[in-house]
Amino acid sequence: MMDPEFDALEEKLAQLVRRLEALRDENRELRQQLAQRTDENARLGEKLGAAKSRIEALLKQIPETES
């Protein structure tokens, strides 16, 4: 029969290993989400820049009125 303290330590170690694996999985998932959001942010930034350019071009076409 094993020592109860050894059994308790072994169980705690097993719990730590399971927690480590869960955290690694979560970290991997969060890194993937971050990469997706970074790509999305870059695409939206490009769209925003293009929209800004179009608006600026349209504003230049509006004749200035004299006050």
N, C-alpha and C. Protein backbone atom coordinates (compact mmCIF):
# COMPACT_ATOMS: atom_id res chain seq x y z
N MET A 1 0.84 -1.18 0.00
CA MET A 1 0.00 0.00 0.00
C MET A 1 0.89 1.24 0.00
N MET A 2 0.43 2.28 -0.71
CA MET A 2 1.24 3.49 -0.85
C MET A 2 0.98 4.45 0.30
N ASP A 3 1.93 5.28 0.50
CA ASP A 3 1.84 6.32 1.52
C ASP A 3 0.76 7.34 1.12
N PRO A 4 -0.17 7.68 2.00
CA PRO A 4 -1.22 8.65 1.66
C PRO A 4 -0.66 10.00 1.22
N GLU A 5 0.42 10.45 1.81
CA GLU A 5 1.03 11.72 1.40
C GLU A 5 1.54 11.64 -0.03
N PHE A 6 2.11 10.49 -0.37
CA PHE A 6 2.61 10.29 -1.73
C PHE A 6 1.44 10.27 -2.71
N ASP A 7 0.35 9.62 -2.34
CA ASP A 7 -0.85 9.59 -3.18
C ASP A 7 -1.39 11.00 -3.41
N ALA A 8 -1.45 11.79 -2.34
CA ALA A 8 -1.96 13.15 -2.44
C ALA A 8 -1.05 14.00 -3.34
N LEU A 9 0.25 13.83 -3.18
CA LEU A 9 1.21 14.56 -4.01
C LEU A 9 1.08 14.15 -5.47
N GLU A 10 0.92 12.87 -5.69
CA GLU A 10 0.78 12.37 -7.05
C GLU A 10 -0.49 12.94 -7.70
N GLU A 11 -1.58 13.02 -6.95
CA GLU A 11 -2.83 13.57 -7.47
C GLU A 11 -2.68 15.06 -7.77
N LYS A 12 -2.01 15.78 -6.88
CA LYS A 12 -1.78 17.21 -7.12
C LYS A 12 -0.94 17.42 -8.38
N LEU A 13 0.06 16.58 -8.55
CA LEU A 13 0.90 16.68 -9.74
C LEU A 13 0.08 16.40 -11.00
N ALA A 14 -0.77 15.39 -10.93
CA ALA A 14 -1.62 15.07 -12.08
C ALA A 14 -2.55 16.24 -12.39
N GLN A 15 -3.09 16.89 -11.37
CA GLN A 15 -3.95 18.06 -11.57
C GLN A 15 -3.17 19.20 -12.22
N LEU A 16 -1.95 19.39 -11.77
CA LEU A 16 -1.12 20.45 -12.35
C LEU A 16 -0.82 20.18 -13.82
N VAL A 17 -0.56 18.93 -14.13
CA VAL A 17 -0.28 18.56 -15.52
C VAL A 17 -1.51 18.81 -16.39
N ARG A 18 -2.70 18.43 -15.88
CA ARG A 18 -3.94 18.66 -16.63
C ARG A 18 -4.17 20.16 -16.82
N ARG A 19 -3.92 20.93 -15.77
CA ARG A 19 -4.10 22.38 -15.86
C ARG A 19 -3.13 23.00 -16.86
N LEU A 20 -1.89 22.53 -16.83
CA LEU A 20 -0.89 23.01 -17.78
C LEU A 20 -1.32 22.73 -19.21
N GLU A 21 -1.81 21.54 -19.46
CA GLU A 21 -2.26 21.18 -20.81
C GLU A 21 -3.44 22.05 -21.23
N ALA A 22 -4.37 22.29 -20.31
CA ALA A 22 -5.53 23.14 -20.62
C ALA A 22 -5.07 24.56 -20.94
N LEU A 23 -4.13 25.08 -20.16
CA LEU A 23 -3.63 26.44 -20.39
C LEU A 23 -2.88 26.53 -21.71
N ARG A 24 -2.15 25.49 -22.05
CA ARG A 24 -1.45 25.49 -23.35
C ARG A 24 -2.44 25.51 -24.50
N ASP A 25 -3.51 24.72 -24.37
CA ASP A 25 -4.55 24.71 -25.41
C ASP A 25 -5.20 26.08 -25.52
N GLU A 26 -5.53 26.66 -24.37
CA GLU A 26 -6.16 27.98 -24.37
C GLU A 26 -5.22 29.03 -24.97
N ASN A 27 -3.95 28.95 -24.62
CA ASN A 27 -2.96 29.89 -25.15
C ASN A 27 -2.86 29.77 -26.67
N ARG A 28 -2.84 28.54 -27.16
CA ARG A 28 -2.76 28.31 -28.62
C ARG A 28 -4.00 28.92 -29.30
N GLU A 29 -5.17 28.70 -28.70
CA GLU A 29 -6.40 29.24 -29.27
C GLU A 29 -6.39 30.77 -29.24
N LEU A 30 -5.93 31.35 -28.15
CA LEU A 30 -5.87 32.81 -28.05
C LEU A 30 -4.88 33.40 -29.06
N ARG A 31 -3.78 32.70 -29.28
CA ARG A 31 -2.80 33.18 -30.28
C ARG A 31 -3.42 33.17 -31.68
N GLN A 32 -4.19 32.12 -31.97
CA GLN A 32 -4.87 32.06 -33.28
C GLN A 32 -5.88 33.18 -33.42
N GLN A 33 -6.65 33.43 -32.35
CA GLN A 33 -7.62 34.51 -32.38
C GLN A 33 -6.93 35.86 -32.56
N LEU A 34 -5.81 36.05 -31.88
CA LEU A 34 -5.07 37.30 -31.99
C LEU A 34 -4.57 37.49 -33.42
N ALA A 35 -4.06 36.43 -34.04
CA ALA A 35 -3.58 36.53 -35.42
C ALA A 35 -4.73 36.89 -36.36
N GLN A 36 -5.89 36.28 -36.14
CA GLN A 36 -7.06 36.59 -36.98
C GLN A 36 -7.48 38.04 -36.80
N ARG A 37 -7.52 38.50 -35.55
CA ARG A 37 -7.93 39.88 -35.29
C ARG A 37 -6.91 40.87 -35.85
N THR A 38 -5.64 40.53 -35.78
CA THR A 38 -4.60 41.40 -36.32
C THR A 38 -4.76 41.52 -37.84
N ASP A 39 -5.02 40.40 -38.50
CA ASP A 39 -5.26 40.44 -39.95
C ASP A 39 -6.50 41.25 -40.28
N GLU A 40 -7.56 41.03 -39.51
CA GLU A 40 -8.81 41.77 -39.73
C GLU A 40 -8.59 43.27 -39.52
N ASN A 41 -7.84 43.61 -38.50
CA ASN A 41 -7.55 45.02 -38.21
C ASN A 41 -6.78 45.65 -39.36
N ALA A 42 -5.82 44.92 -39.91
CA ALA A 42 -5.05 45.45 -41.04
C ALA A 42 -5.95 45.67 -42.25
N ARG A 43 -6.85 44.72 -42.53
CA ARG A 43 -7.76 44.87 -43.66
C ARG A 43 -8.69 46.07 -43.46
N LEU A 44 -9.21 46.20 -42.24
CA LEU A 44 -10.09 47.34 -41.95
C LEU A 44 -9.33 48.66 -42.05
N GLY A 45 -8.08 48.65 -41.64
CA GLY A 45 -7.26 49.86 -41.77
C GLY A 45 -7.07 50.24 -43.23
N GLU A 46 -6.87 49.25 -44.08
CA GLU A 46 -6.72 49.53 -45.51
C GLU A 46 -8.03 50.08 -46.08
N LYS A 47 -9.16 49.48 -45.68
CA LYS A 47 -10.45 49.97 -46.15
C LYS A 47 -10.70 51.41 -45.68
N LEU A 48 -10.34 51.67 -44.44
CA LEU A 48 -10.51 53.01 -43.89
C LEU A 48 -9.66 54.02 -44.65
N GLY A 49 -8.43 53.65 -44.96
CA GLY A 49 -7.55 54.53 -45.73
C GLY A 49 -8.11 54.81 -47.12
N ALA A 50 -8.65 53.77 -47.75
CA ALA A 50 -9.23 53.95 -49.09
C ALA A 50 -10.46 54.85 -49.02
N ALA A 51 -11.30 54.63 -48.00
CA ALA A 51 -12.50 55.47 -47.85
C ALA A 51 -12.10 56.93 -47.61
N LYS A 52 -11.08 57.13 -46.78
CA LYS A 52 -10.62 58.49 -46.50
C LYS A 52 -10.14 59.17 -47.79
N SER A 53 -9.41 58.42 -48.61
CA SER A 53 -8.93 58.98 -49.87
C SER A 53 -10.08 59.35 -50.79
N ARG A 54 -11.10 58.47 -50.85
CA ARG A 54 -12.26 58.77 -51.70
C ARG A 54 -13.01 60.00 -51.20
N ILE A 55 -13.17 60.10 -49.91
CA ILE A 55 -13.87 61.26 -49.34
C ILE A 55 -13.08 62.54 -49.61
N GLU A 56 -11.78 62.47 -49.44
CA GLU A 56 -10.96 63.66 -49.71
C GLU A 56 -11.07 64.07 -51.17
N ALA A 57 -11.09 63.08 -52.08
CA ALA A 57 -11.21 63.38 -53.50
C ALA A 57 -12.57 64.01 -53.79
N LEU A 58 -13.63 63.49 -53.17
CA LEU A 58 -14.96 64.06 -53.37
C LEU A 58 -15.05 65.48 -52.82
N LEU A 59 -14.44 65.71 -51.68
CA LEU A 59 -14.47 67.06 -51.08
C LEU A 59 -13.77 68.08 -51.97
N LYS A 60 -12.73 67.64 -52.68
CA LYS A 60 -12.02 68.56 -53.58
C LYS A 60 -12.89 68.95 -54.78
N GLN A 61 -13.86 68.10 -55.12
CA GLN A 61 -14.72 68.38 -56.26
C GLN A 61 -15.84 69.35 -55.91
N ILE A 62 -16.12 69.54 -54.64
CA ILE A 62 -17.18 70.44 -54.23
C ILE A 62 -16.68 71.87 -54.36
N PRO A 63 -17.41 72.67 -55.12
CA PRO A 63 -16.95 74.06 -55.27
C PRO A 63 -17.09 74.83 -53.96
N GLU A 64 -16.15 75.69 -53.73
CA GLU A 64 -16.20 76.51 -52.52
C GLU A 64 -17.20 77.64 -52.73
N THR A 65 -17.99 77.89 -51.74
CA THR A 65 -18.96 78.98 -51.84
C THR A 65 -18.39 80.22 -51.16
N GLU A 66 -18.74 81.37 -51.70
CA GLU A 66 -18.27 82.61 -51.10
C GLU A 66 -19.26 83.05 -50.04
N SER A 67 -18.76 83.44 -48.91
CA SER A 67 -19.64 83.87 -47.81
C SER A 67 -19.84 85.35 -47.86
